[in-house]
């Protein structure tokens, strides 16, 4: 395998690496430091207050902050053919699918509110 090493398109973009495999295929890898997002989510959750605080009862608040790499993984896990040669990503198309991911206890650190989605 031949690797290009980690590169950045811009100073704030996710690092990526291009690997040329022995079978002449190419793999593009990315990584993301999710700890700042998790820390901010925990802070938001702790500062949330009760569910009836002004502005929260209207359901117009941020319920989660999802790292981009996690979102990409969820999209791939829910990818289905649209029947026309393209793809649909059910996590984007169906609110119930997204709610299932966000209400999963394994994803609790993505939540910024104590309420169920």
PDB file of N, CA and C in Angstrom:
ATOM      1  N   UNK A   1       0.840  -1.171   0.000  1.00  0.00           N
ATOM      2  CA  UNK A   1       0.000   0.000   0.000  1.00  0.00           C
ATOM      3  C   UNK A   1       0.887   1.236   0.000  1.00  0.00           C
ATOM      4  N   UNK A   2       0.493   2.212  -0.774  1.00  0.00           N
ATOM      5  CA  UNK A   2       1.207   3.475  -0.855  1.00  0.00           C
ATOM      6  C   UNK A   2       0.289   4.559  -0.299  1.00  0.00           C
ATOM      7  N   UNK A   3       0.760   5.347   0.657  1.00  0.00           N
ATOM      8  CA  UNK A   3      -0.067   6.351   1.304  1.00  0.00           C
ATOM      9  C   UNK A   3       0.480   7.740   1.052  1.00  0.00           C
ATOM     10  N   UNK A   4      -0.428   8.687   0.871  1.00  0.00           N
ATOM     11  CA  UNK A   4      -0.024  10.068   0.634  1.00  0.00           C
ATOM     12  C   UNK A   4       0.245  10.822   1.923  1.00  0.00           C
ATOM     13  N   UNK A   5      -0.087  10.273   3.068  1.00  0.00           N
ATOM     14  CA  UNK A   5       0.014  11.007   4.324  1.00  0.00           C
ATOM     15  C   UNK A   5      -1.203  11.901   4.492  1.00  0.00           C
ATOM     16  N   UNK A   6      -1.397  12.443   5.672  1.00  0.00           N
ATOM     17  CA  UNK A   6      -2.576  13.261   5.949  1.00  0.00           C
ATOM     18  C   UNK A   6      -2.437  14.632   5.319  1.00  0.00           C
ATOM     19  N   UNK A   7      -3.513  15.098   4.665  1.00  0.00           N
ATOM     20  CA  UNK A   7      -3.541  16.392   4.006  1.00  0.00           C
ATOM     21  C   UNK A   7      -4.756  17.184   4.484  1.00  0.00           C
ATOM     22  N   UNK A   8      -4.684  18.498   4.313  1.00  0.00           N
ATOM     23  CA  UNK A   8      -5.786  19.386   4.662  1.00  0.00           C
ATOM     24  C   UNK A   8      -6.076  20.282   3.464  1.00  0.00           C
ATOM     25  N   UNK A   9      -7.360  20.390   3.077  1.00  0.00           N
ATOM     26  CA  UNK A   9      -7.728  21.294   1.989  1.00  0.00           C
ATOM     27  C   UNK A   9      -7.671  22.743   2.466  1.00  0.00           C
ATOM     28  N   UNK A  10      -8.149  22.966   3.684  1.00  0.00           N
ATOM     29  CA  UNK A  10      -8.084  24.282   4.317  1.00  0.00           C
ATOM     30  C   UNK A  10      -7.691  24.046   5.777  1.00  0.00           C
ATOM     31  N   UNK A  11      -7.264  25.068   6.482  1.00  0.00           N
ATOM     32  CA  UNK A  11      -6.871  24.870   7.890  1.00  0.00           C
ATOM     33  C   UNK A  11      -7.988  24.330   8.777  1.00  0.00           C
ATOM     34  N   UNK A  12      -9.251  24.550   8.403  1.00  0.00           N
ATOM     35  CA  UNK A  12     -10.359  24.080   9.233  1.00  0.00           C
ATOM     36  C   UNK A  12     -11.031  22.827   8.700  1.00  0.00           C
ATOM     37  N   UNK A  13     -10.554  22.267   7.595  1.00  0.00           N
ATOM     38  CA  UNK A  13     -11.195  21.082   7.017  1.00  0.00           C
ATOM     39  C   UNK A  13     -10.724  19.809   7.718  1.00  0.00           C
ATOM     40  N   UNK A  14     -11.492  18.744   7.496  1.00  0.00           N
ATOM     41  CA  UNK A  14     -11.098  17.445   8.050  1.00  0.00           C
ATOM     42  C   UNK A  14      -9.872  16.929   7.318  1.00  0.00           C
ATOM     43  N   UNK A  15      -8.933  16.343   8.045  1.00  0.00           N
ATOM     44  CA  UNK A  15      -7.771  15.745   7.376  1.00  0.00           C
ATOM     45  C   UNK A  15      -8.196  14.532   6.543  1.00  0.00           C
ATOM     46  N   UNK A  16      -7.523  14.327   5.439  1.00  0.00           N
ATOM     47  CA  UNK A  16      -7.805  13.183   4.589  1.00  0.00           C
ATOM     48  C   UNK A  16      -6.487  12.584   4.102  1.00  0.00           C
ATOM     49  N   UNK A  17      -6.572  11.312   3.744  1.00  0.00           N
ATOM     50  CA  UNK A  17      -5.389  10.584   3.278  1.00  0.00           C
ATOM     51  C   UNK A  17      -5.815   9.687   2.128  1.00  0.00           C
ATOM     52  N   UNK A  18      -5.027   9.673   1.083  1.00  0.00           N
ATOM     53  CA  UNK A  18      -5.277   8.837  -0.084  1.00  0.00           C
ATOM     54  C   UNK A  18      -4.345   7.641  -0.020  1.00  0.00           C
ATOM     55  N   UNK A  19      -4.917   6.445  -0.018  1.00  0.00           N
ATOM     56  CA  UNK A  19      -4.133   5.207  -0.018  1.00  0.00           C
ATOM     57  C   UNK A  19      -4.345   4.484  -1.336  1.00  0.00           C
ATOM     58  N   UNK A  20      -3.252   4.113  -1.987  1.00  0.00           N
ATOM     59  CA  UNK A  20      -3.328   3.285  -3.190  1.00  0.00           C
ATOM     60  C   UNK A  20      -3.028   1.859  -2.752  1.00  0.00           C
ATOM     61  N   UNK A  21      -4.006   0.990  -2.907  1.00  0.00           N
ATOM     62  CA  UNK A  21      -3.908  -0.378  -2.420  1.00  0.00           C
ATOM     63  C   UNK A  21      -3.154  -1.256  -3.405  1.00  0.00           C
ATOM     64  N   UNK A  22      -2.725  -2.425  -2.953  1.00  0.00           N
ATOM     65  CA  UNK A  22      -1.972  -3.372  -3.780  1.00  0.00           C
ATOM     66  C   UNK A  22      -2.761  -3.873  -4.980  1.00  0.00           C
ATOM     67  N   UNK A  23      -4.102  -3.855  -4.875  1.00  0.00           N
ATOM     68  CA  UNK A  23      -4.930  -4.325  -5.996  1.00  0.00           C
ATOM     69  C   UNK A  23      -5.340  -3.175  -6.924  1.00  0.00           C
ATOM     70  N   UNK A  24      -4.617  -2.059  -6.864  1.00  0.00           N
ATOM     71  CA  UNK A  24      -4.829  -0.878  -7.703  1.00  0.00           C
ATOM     72  C   UNK A  24      -6.145  -0.150  -7.427  1.00  0.00           C
ATOM     73  N   UNK A  25      -6.760  -0.401  -6.280  1.00  0.00           N
ATOM     74  CA  UNK A  25      -7.910   0.390  -5.870  1.00  0.00           C
ATOM     75  C   UNK A  25      -7.413   1.532  -4.996  1.00  0.00           C
ATOM     76  N   UNK A  26      -8.252   2.494  -4.799  1.00  0.00           N
ATOM     77  CA  UNK A  26      -7.889   3.670  -4.014  1.00  0.00           C
ATOM     78  C   UNK A  26      -8.847   3.792  -2.836  1.00  0.00           C
ATOM     79  N   UNK A  27      -8.321   4.140  -1.678  1.00  0.00           N
ATOM     80  CA  UNK A  27      -9.120   4.374  -0.485  1.00  0.00           C
ATOM     81  C   UNK A  27      -8.827   5.778   0.024  1.00  0.00           C
ATOM     82  N   UNK A  28      -9.884   6.539   0.266  1.00  0.00           N
ATOM     83  CA  UNK A  28      -9.729   7.860   0.864  1.00  0.00           C
ATOM     84  C   UNK A  28     -10.220   7.762   2.301  1.00  0.00           C
ATOM     85  N   UNK A  29      -9.353   8.084   3.245  1.00  0.00           N
ATOM     86  CA  UNK A  29      -9.687   8.046   4.666  1.00  0.00           C
ATOM     87  C   UNK A  29      -9.766   9.467   5.202  1.00  0.00           C
ATOM     88  N   UNK A  30     -10.691   9.692   6.116  1.00  0.00           N
ATOM     89  CA  UNK A  30     -10.762  10.963   6.827  1.00  0.00           C
ATOM     90  C   UNK A  30     -10.826  10.664   8.316  1.00  0.00           C
ATOM     91  N   UNK A  31     -10.472  11.651   9.104  1.00  0.00           N
ATOM     92  CA  UNK A  31     -10.705  11.512  10.530  1.00  0.00           C
ATOM     93  C   UNK A  31     -11.124  12.860  11.080  1.00  0.00           C
ATOM     94  N   UNK A  32     -11.752  12.819  12.236  1.00  0.00           N
ATOM     95  CA  UNK A  32     -12.249  14.039  12.849  1.00  0.00           C
ATOM     96  C   UNK A  32     -12.084  13.909  14.349  1.00  0.00           C
ATOM     97  N   UNK A  33     -11.543  14.936  14.978  1.00  0.00           N
ATOM     98  CA  UNK A  33     -11.460  14.981  16.431  1.00  0.00           C
ATOM     99  C   UNK A  33     -12.834  15.378  16.946  1.00  0.00           C
ATOM    100  N   UNK A  34     -13.575  14.412  17.482  1.00  0.00           N
ATOM    101  CA  UNK A  34     -14.944  14.677  17.910  1.00  0.00           C
ATOM    102  C   UNK A  34     -15.027  15.150  19.356  1.00  0.00           C
ATOM    103  N   UNK A  35     -13.912  15.123  20.076  1.00  0.00           N
ATOM    104  CA  UNK A  35     -13.966  15.482  21.498  1.00  0.00           C
ATOM    105  C   UNK A  35     -14.512  16.884  21.745  1.00  0.00           C
ATOM    106  N   UNK A  36     -14.135  17.917  20.959  1.00  0.00           N
ATOM    107  CA  UNK A  36     -14.736  19.239  21.191  1.00  0.00           C
ATOM    108  C   UNK A  36     -16.255  19.253  21.004  1.00  0.00           C
ATOM    109  N   UNK A  37     -16.755  18.481  20.049  1.00  0.00           N
ATOM    110  CA  UNK A  37     -18.202  18.409  19.828  1.00  0.00           C
ATOM    111  C   UNK A  37     -18.876  17.718  21.003  1.00  0.00           C
ATOM    112  N   UNK A  38     -18.292  16.609  21.457  1.00  0.00           N
ATOM    113  CA  UNK A  38     -18.845  15.873  22.595  1.00  0.00           C
ATOM    114  C   UNK A  38     -18.838  16.748  23.845  1.00  0.00           C
ATOM    115  N   UNK A  39     -17.736  17.448  24.099  1.00  0.00           N
ATOM    116  CA  UNK A  39     -17.646  18.322  25.271  1.00  0.00           C
ATOM    117  C   UNK A  39     -18.703  19.421  25.221  1.00  0.00           C
ATOM    118  N   UNK A  40     -18.893  20.024  24.048  1.00  0.00           N
ATOM    119  CA  UNK A  40     -19.906  21.067  23.907  1.00  0.00           C
ATOM    120  C   UNK A  40     -21.315  20.503  24.081  1.00  0.00           C
ATOM    121  N   UNK A  41     -21.554  19.305  23.566  1.00  0.00           N
ATOM    122  CA  UNK A  41     -22.864  18.665  23.741  1.00  0.00           C
ATOM    123  C   UNK A  41     -23.154  18.408  25.219  1.00  0.00           C
ATOM    124  N   UNK A  42     -22.150  17.906  25.959  1.00  0.00           N
ATOM    125  CA  UNK A  42     -22.336  17.658  27.389  1.00  0.00           C
ATOM    126  C   UNK A  42     -22.630  18.956  28.130  1.00  0.00           C
ATOM    127  N   UNK A  43     -21.915  20.022  27.780  1.00  0.00           N
ATOM    128  CA  UNK A  43     -22.143  21.324  28.401  1.00  0.00           C
ATOM    129  C   UNK A  43     -23.557  21.815  28.111  1.00  0.00           C
ATOM    130  N   UNK A  44     -23.990  21.691  26.862  1.00  0.00           N
ATOM    131  CA  UNK A  44     -25.348  22.101  26.497  1.00  0.00           C
ATOM    132  C   UNK A  44     -26.388  21.283  27.233  1.00  0.00           C
ATOM    133  N   UNK A  45     -26.151  19.986  27.368  1.00  0.00           N
ATOM    134  CA  UNK A  45     -27.081  19.116  28.084  1.00  0.00           C
ATOM    135  C   UNK A  45     -27.173  19.514  29.552  1.00  0.00           C
ATOM    136  N   UNK A  46     -26.040  19.788  30.170  1.00  0.00           N
ATOM    137  CA  UNK A  46     -26.026  20.191  31.581  1.00  0.00           C
ATOM    138  C   UNK A  46     -26.685  21.549  31.787  1.00  0.00           C
ATOM    139  N   UNK A  47     -26.590  22.433  30.807  1.00  0.00           N
ATOM    140  CA  UNK A  47     -27.172  23.777  30.913  1.00  0.00           C
ATOM    141  C   UNK A  47     -28.605  23.853  30.401  1.00  0.00           C
ATOM    142  N   UNK A  48     -29.154  22.737  29.992  1.00  0.00           N
ATOM    143  CA  UNK A  48     -30.473  22.732  29.353  1.00  0.00           C
ATOM    144  C   UNK A  48     -31.572  23.251  30.272  1.00  0.00           C
ATOM    145  N   UNK A  49     -31.542  22.866  31.530  1.00  0.00           N
ATOM    146  CA  UNK A  49     -32.623  23.248  32.438  1.00  0.00           C
ATOM    147  C   UNK A  49     -33.810  22.326  32.264  1.00  0.00           C
ATOM    148  N   UNK A  50     -34.977  22.787  32.734  1.00  0.00           N
ATOM    149  CA  UNK A  50     -36.163  21.936  32.610  1.00  0.00           C
ATOM    150  C   UNK A  50     -36.752  22.049  31.200  1.00  0.00           C
ATOM    151  N   UNK A  51     -37.643  21.143  30.889  1.00  0.00           N
ATOM    152  CA  UNK A  51     -38.191  21.047  29.534  1.00  0.00           C
ATOM    153  C   UNK A  51     -39.142  22.192  29.183  1.00  0.00           C
ATOM    154  N   UNK A  52     -39.620  22.931  30.181  1.00  0.00           N
ATOM    155  CA  UNK A  52     -40.604  23.985  29.923  1.00  0.00           C
ATOM    156  C   UNK A  52     -39.999  25.384  29.941  1.00  0.00           C
ATOM    157  N   UNK A  53     -38.672  25.480  30.005  1.00  0.00           N
ATOM    158  CA  UNK A  53     -38.031  26.782  29.963  1.00  0.00           C
ATOM    159  C   UNK A  53     -38.443  27.499  28.690  1.00  0.00           C
ATOM    160  N   UNK A  54     -38.668  28.823  28.788  1.00  0.00           N
ATOM    161  CA  UNK A  54     -39.109  29.600  27.635  1.00  0.00           C
ATOM    162  C   UNK A  54     -38.217  29.304  26.433  1.00  0.00           C
ATOM    163  N   UNK A  55     -38.816  29.083  25.300  1.00  0.00           N
ATOM    164  CA  UNK A  55     -38.078  28.802  24.078  1.00  0.00           C
ATOM    165  C   UNK A  55     -37.916  27.318  23.825  1.00  0.00           C
ATOM    166  N   UNK A  56     -37.956  26.516  24.878  1.00  0.00           N
ATOM    167  CA  UNK A  56     -37.796  25.071  24.706  1.00  0.00           C
ATOM    168  C   UNK A  56     -39.134  24.400  24.451  1.00  0.00           C
ATOM    169  N   UNK A  57     -40.180  24.952  25.027  1.00  0.00           N
ATOM    170  CA  UNK A  57     -41.506  24.375  24.823  1.00  0.00           C
ATOM    171  C   UNK A  57     -41.940  24.496  23.369  1.00  0.00           C
ATOM    172  N   UNK A  58     -41.374  25.430  22.619  1.00  0.00           N
ATOM    173  CA  UNK A  58     -41.752  25.615  21.223  1.00  0.00           C
ATOM    174  C   UNK A  58     -41.123  24.574  20.307  1.00  0.00           C
ATOM    175  N   UNK A  59     -40.240  23.752  20.820  1.00  0.00           N
ATOM    176  CA  UNK A  59     -39.551  22.704  20.071  1.00  0.00           C
ATOM    177  C   UNK A  59     -38.628  23.284  19.004  1.00  0.00           C
ATOM    178  N   UNK A  60     -38.209  24.520  19.184  1.00  0.00           N
ATOM    179  CA  UNK A  60     -37.297  25.177  18.243  1.00  0.00           C
ATOM    180  C   UNK A  60     -35.917  25.316  18.868  1.00  0.00           C
ATOM    181  N   UNK A  61     -35.345  24.213  19.288  1.00  0.00           N
ATOM    182  CA  UNK A  61     -34.016  24.240  19.892  1.00  0.00           C
ATOM    183  C   UNK A  61     -33.164  23.137  19.279  1.00  0.00           C
ATOM    184  N   UNK A  62     -31.879  23.244  19.451  1.00  0.00           N
ATOM    185  CA  UNK A  62     -30.957  22.239  18.925  1.00  0.00           C
ATOM    186  C   UNK A  62     -31.007  21.022  19.848  1.00  0.00           C
ATOM    187  N   UNK A  63     -31.315  19.874  19.291  1.00  0.00           N
ATOM    188  CA  UNK A  63     -31.439  18.658  20.087  1.00  0.00           C
ATOM    189  C   UNK A  63     -30.186  17.803  20.049  1.00  0.00           C
ATOM    190  N   UNK A  64     -29.312  18.031  19.051  1.00  0.00           N
ATOM    191  CA  UNK A  64     -28.110  17.216  18.922  1.00  0.00           C
ATOM    192  C   UNK A  64     -27.100  17.941  18.042  1.00  0.00           C
ATOM    193  N   UNK A  65     -25.855  17.574  18.208  1.00  0.00           N
ATOM    194  CA  UNK A  65     -24.790  18.025  17.330  1.00  0.00           C
ATOM    195  C   UNK A  65     -24.006  16.781  16.934  1.00  0.00           C
ATOM    196  N   UNK A  66     -24.019  16.479  15.653  1.00  0.00           N
ATOM    197  CA  UNK A  66     -23.486  15.213  15.156  1.00  0.00           C
ATOM    198  C   UNK A  66     -22.197  15.464  14.386  1.00  0.00           C
ATOM    199  N   UNK A  67     -21.088  14.824  14.775  1.00  0.00           N
ATOM    200  CA  UNK A  67     -19.851  14.963  13.996  1.00  0.00           C
ATOM    201  C   UNK A  67     -20.069  14.491  12.560  1.00  0.00           C
ATOM    202  N   UNK A  68     -19.397  15.155  11.641  1.00  0.00           N
ATOM    203  CA  UNK A  68     -19.609  14.868  10.223  1.00  0.00           C
ATOM    204  C   UNK A  68     -19.278  13.416   9.877  1.00  0.00           C
ATOM    205  N   UNK A  69     -18.217  12.861  10.439  1.00  0.00           N
ATOM    206  CA  UNK A  69     -17.870  11.468  10.140  1.00  0.00           C
ATOM    207  C   UNK A  69     -18.967  10.510  10.610  1.00  0.00           C
ATOM    208  N   UNK A  70     -19.598  10.822  11.745  1.00  0.00           N
ATOM    209  CA  UNK A  70     -20.707   9.998  12.243  1.00  0.00           C
ATOM    210  C   UNK A  70     -21.891  10.105  11.290  1.00  0.00           C
ATOM    211  N   UNK A  71     -22.178  11.328  10.832  1.00  0.00           N
ATOM    212  CA  UNK A  71     -23.285  11.530   9.889  1.00  0.00           C
ATOM    213  C   UNK A  71     -23.054  10.739   8.602  1.00  0.00           C
ATOM    214  N   UNK A  72     -21.833  10.770   8.096  1.00  0.00           N
ATOM    215  CA  UNK A  72     -21.517  10.002   6.887  1.00  0.00           C
ATOM    216  C   UNK A  72     -21.737   8.513   7.104  1.00  0.00           C
ATOM    217  N   UNK A  73     -21.355   8.010   8.273  1.00  0.00           N
ATOM    218  CA  UNK A  73     -21.548   6.588   8.599  1.00  0.00           C
ATOM    219  C   UNK A  73     -23.038   6.258   8.621  1.00  0.00           C
ATOM    220  N   UNK A  74     -23.843   7.099   9.264  1.00  0.00           N
ATOM    221  CA  UNK A  74     -25.285   6.870   9.317  1.00  0.00           C
ATOM    222  C   UNK A  74     -25.890   6.903   7.921  1.00  0.00           C
ATOM    223  N   UNK A  75     -25.426   7.804   7.080  1.00  0.00           N
ATOM    224  CA  UNK A  75     -25.926   7.860   5.701  1.00  0.00           C
ATOM    225  C   UNK A  75     -25.639   6.551   4.980  1.00  0.00           C
ATOM    226  N   UNK A  76     -24.427   6.037   5.099  1.00  0.00           N
ATOM    227  CA  UNK A  76     -24.066   4.781   4.434  1.00  0.00           C
ATOM    228  C   UNK A  76     -24.888   3.612   4.979  1.00  0.00           C
ATOM    229  N   UNK A  77     -25.136   3.605   6.291  1.00  0.00           N
ATOM    230  CA  UNK A  77     -25.907   2.514   6.899  1.00  0.00           C
ATOM    231  C   UNK A  77     -27.365   2.512   6.451  1.00  0.00           C
ATOM    232  N   UNK A  78     -27.877   3.677   6.036  1.00  0.00           N
ATOM    233  CA  UNK A  78     -29.288   3.772   5.660  1.00  0.00           C
ATOM    234  C   UNK A  78     -29.484   4.005   4.161  1.00  0.00           C
ATOM    235  N   UNK A  79     -28.454   3.758   3.376  1.00  0.00           N
ATOM    236  CA  UNK A  79     -28.508   3.996   1.930  1.00  0.00           C
ATOM    237  C   UNK A  79     -29.362   2.926   1.239  1.00  0.00           C
ATOM    238  N   UNK A  80     -30.303   3.390   0.412  1.00  0.00           N
ATOM    239  CA  UNK A  80     -31.134   2.481  -0.388  1.00  0.00           C
ATOM    240  C   UNK A  80     -31.209   3.032  -1.807  1.00  0.00           C
ATOM    241  N   UNK A  81     -31.416   2.167  -2.735  1.00  0.00           N
ATOM    242  CA  UNK A  81     -31.538   2.579  -4.142  1.00  0.00           C
ATOM    243  C   UNK A  81     -32.838   3.350  -4.347  1.00  0.00           C
ATOM    244  N   UNK A  82     -32.781   4.385  -5.173  1.00  0.00           N
ATOM    245  CA  UNK A  82     -34.002   5.130  -5.501  1.00  0.00           C
ATOM    246  C   UNK A  82     -34.728   4.532  -6.696  1.00  0.00           C
ATOM    247  N   UNK A  83     -34.178   3.457  -7.271  1.00  0.00           N
ATOM    248  CA  UNK A  83     -34.798   2.803  -8.410  1.00  0.00           C
ATOM    249  C   UNK A  83     -34.478   3.468  -9.741  1.00  0.00           C
ATOM    250  N   UNK A  84     -33.756   4.580  -9.702  1.00  0.00           N
ATOM    251  CA  UNK A  84     -33.417   5.319 -10.919  1.00  0.00           C
ATOM    252  C   UNK A  84     -31.909   5.410 -11.121  1.00  0.00           C
ATOM    253  N   UNK A  85     -31.179   4.567 -10.420  1.00  0.00           N
ATOM    254  CA  UNK A  85     -29.728   4.583 -10.530  1.00  0.00           C
ATOM    255  C   UNK A  85     -29.043   5.462  -9.497  1.00  0.00           C
ATOM    256  N   UNK A  86     -29.805   6.064  -8.614  1.00  0.00           N
ATOM    257  CA  UNK A  86     -29.246   6.914  -7.561  1.00  0.00           C
ATOM    258  C   UNK A  86     -29.490   6.316  -6.195  1.00  0.00           C
ATOM    259  N   UNK A  87     -29.229   7.094  -5.173  1.00  0.00           N
ATOM    260  CA  UNK A  87     -29.361   6.617  -3.806  1.00  0.00           C
ATOM    261  C   UNK A  87     -30.210   7.571  -2.981  1.00  0.00           C
ATOM    262  N   UNK A  88     -30.920   7.003  -2.027  1.00  0.00           N
ATOM    263  CA  UNK A  88     -31.609   7.760  -0.996  1.00  0.00           C
ATOM    264  C   UNK A  88     -30.961   7.399   0.329  1.00  0.00           C
ATOM    265  N   UNK A  89     -30.829   8.373   1.196  1.00  0.00           N
ATOM    266  CA  UNK A  89     -30.260   8.151   2.520  1.00  0.00           C
ATOM    267  C   UNK A  89     -31.392   8.334   3.519  1.00  0.00           C
ATOM    268  N   UNK A  90     -31.885   7.211   4.046  1.00  0.00           N
ATOM    269  CA  UNK A  90     -33.087   7.242   4.859  1.00  0.00           C
ATOM    270  C   UNK A  90     -32.930   8.074   6.122  1.00  0.00           C
ATOM    271  N   UNK A  91     -31.725   8.214   6.638  1.00  0.00           N
ATOM    272  CA  UNK A  91     -31.517   9.048   7.820  1.00  0.00           C
ATOM    273  C   UNK A  91     -31.841  10.507   7.499  1.00  0.00           C
ATOM    274  N   UNK A  92     -31.747  10.893   6.222  1.00  0.00           N
ATOM    275  CA  UNK A  92     -32.116  12.244   5.789  1.00  0.00           C
ATOM    276  C   UNK A  92     -33.570  12.327   5.351  1.00  0.00           C
ATOM    277  N   UNK A  93     -34.128  11.221   4.896  1.00  0.00           N
ATOM    278  CA  UNK A  93     -35.474  11.215   4.317  1.00  0.00           C
ATOM    279  C   UNK A  93     -36.578  10.949   5.333  1.00  0.00           C
ATOM    280  N   UNK A  94     -36.268  10.175   6.367  1.00  0.00           N
ATOM    281  CA  UNK A  94     -37.283   9.714   7.309  1.00  0.00           C
ATOM    282  C   UNK A  94     -36.908  10.162   8.724  1.00  0.00           C
ATOM    283  N   UNK A  95     -37.710  11.028   9.306  1.00  0.00           N
ATOM    284  CA  UNK A  95     -37.432  11.548  10.654  1.00  0.00           C
ATOM    285  C   UNK A  95     -37.391  10.446  11.703  1.00  0.00           C
ATOM    286  N   UNK A  96     -38.145   9.380  11.480  1.00  0.00           N
ATOM    287  CA  UNK A  96     -38.155   8.273  12.441  1.00  0.00           C
ATOM    288  C   UNK A  96     -36.816   7.544  12.458  1.00  0.00           C
ATOM    289  N   UNK A  97     -36.162   7.446  11.309  1.00  0.00           N
ATOM    290  CA  UNK A  97     -34.847   6.799  11.241  1.00  0.00           C
ATOM    291  C   UNK A  97     -33.823   7.641  12.003  1.00  0.00           C
ATOM    292  N   UNK A  98     -33.847   8.945  11.780  1.00  0.00           N
ATOM    293  CA  UNK A  98     -32.940   9.831  12.508  1.00  0.00           C
ATOM    294  C   UNK A  98     -33.214   9.770  14.003  1.00  0.00           C
ATOM    295  N   UNK A  99     -34.476   9.787  14.386  1.00  0.00           N
ATOM    296  CA  UNK A  99     -34.838   9.714  15.804  1.00  0.00           C
ATOM    297  C   UNK A  99     -34.329   8.419  16.432  1.00  0.00           C
ATOM    298  N   UNK A 100     -34.391   7.325  15.682  1.00  0.00           N
ATOM    299  CA  UNK A 100     -33.891   6.038  16.194  1.00  0.00           C
ATOM    300  C   UNK A 100     -32.408   6.144  16.540  1.00  0.00           C
ATOM    301  N   UNK A 101     -31.635   6.755  15.661  1.00  0.00           N
ATOM    302  CA  UNK A 101     -30.205   6.929  15.926  1.00  0.00           C
ATOM    303  C   UNK A 101     -29.979   7.848  17.125  1.00  0.00           C
ATOM    304  N   UNK A 102     -30.699   8.970  17.174  1.00  0.00           N
ATOM    305  CA  UNK A 102     -30.467   9.939  18.246  1.00  0.00           C
ATOM    306  C   UNK A 102     -30.968   9.457  19.599  1.00  0.00           C
ATOM    307  N   UNK A 103     -31.990   8.617  19.628  1.00  0.00           N
ATOM    308  CA  UNK A 103     -32.513   8.100  20.892  1.00  0.00           C
ATOM    309  C   UNK A 103     -31.763   6.866  21.379  1.00  0.00           C
ATOM    310  N   UNK A 104     -30.872   6.334  20.566  1.00  0.00           N
ATOM    311  CA  UNK A 104     -30.072   5.168  20.947  1.00  0.00           C
ATOM    312  C   UNK A 104     -29.126   5.566  22.085  1.00  0.00           C
ATOM    313  N   UNK A 105     -29.144   4.825  23.212  1.00  0.00           N
ATOM    314  CA  UNK A 105     -28.254   5.155  24.332  1.00  0.00           C
ATOM    315  C   UNK A 105     -26.770   5.194  23.948  1.00  0.00           C
ATOM    316  N   UNK A 106     -26.386   4.462  22.917  1.00  0.00           N
ATOM    317  CA  UNK A 106     -24.984   4.481  22.477  1.00  0.00           C
ATOM    318  C   UNK A 106     -24.592   5.840  21.906  1.00  0.00           C
ATOM    319  N   UNK A 107     -25.573   6.634  21.513  1.00  0.00           N
ATOM    320  CA  UNK A 107     -25.306   7.952  20.924  1.00  0.00           C
ATOM    321  C   UNK A 107     -25.667   9.090  21.867  1.00  0.00           C
ATOM    322  N   UNK A 108     -25.718   8.811  23.160  1.00  0.00           N
ATOM    323  CA  UNK A 108     -26.187   9.822  24.115  1.00  0.00           C
ATOM    324  C   UNK A 108     -25.333  11.079  24.132  1.00  0.00           C
ATOM    325  N   UNK A 109     -24.054  10.992  23.803  1.00  0.00           N
ATOM    326  CA  UNK A 109     -23.196  12.169  23.847  1.00  0.00           C
ATOM    327  C   UNK A 109     -23.343  13.066  22.612  1.00  0.00           C
ATOM    328  N   UNK A 110     -24.199  12.659  21.691  1.00  0.00           N
ATOM    329  CA  UNK A 110     -24.506  13.519  20.558  1.00  0.00           C
ATOM    330  C   UNK A 110     -25.676  14.438  20.884  1.00  0.00           C
ATOM    331  N   UNK A 111     -26.408  14.108  21.932  1.00  0.00           N
ATOM    332  CA  UNK A 111     -27.599  14.862  22.318  1.00  0.00           C
ATOM    333  C   UNK A 111     -27.235  16.098  23.120  1.00  0.00           C
ATOM    334  N   UNK A 112     -28.001  17.158  22.921  1.00  0.00           N
ATOM    335  CA  UNK A 112     -27.815  18.393  23.681  1.00  0.00           C
ATOM    336  C   UNK A 112     -29.018  18.689  24.576  1.00  0.00           C
ATOM    337  N   UNK A 113     -30.012  17.794  24.544  1.00  0.00           N
ATOM    338  CA  UNK A 113     -31.211  17.939  25.364  1.00  0.00           C
ATOM    339  C   UNK A 113     -31.552  16.601  26.016  1.00  0.00           C
ATOM    340  N   UNK A 114     -32.251  16.635  27.155  1.00  0.00           N
ATOM    341  CA  UNK A 114     -32.643  15.377  27.803  1.00  0.00           C
ATOM    342  C   UNK A 114     -33.912  14.774  27.218  1.00  0.00           C
ATOM    343  N   UNK A 115     -34.546  15.457  26.289  1.00  0.00           N
ATOM    344  CA  UNK A 115     -35.806  14.990  25.714  1.00  0.00           C
ATOM    345  C   UNK A 115     -35.562  13.944  24.642  1.00  0.00           C
ATOM    346  N   UNK A 116     -36.570  13.107  24.441  1.00  0.00           N
ATOM    347  CA  UNK A 116     -36.508  12.147  23.337  1.00  0.00           C
ATOM    348  C   UNK A 116     -36.882  12.862  22.054  1.00  0.00           C
ATOM    349  N   UNK A 117     -36.313  12.406  20.971  1.00  0.00           N
ATOM    350  CA  UNK A 117     -36.609  12.984  19.660  1.00  0.00           C
ATOM    351  C   UNK A 117     -37.840  12.301  19.097  1.00  0.00           C
TER     352      UNK A 117
END
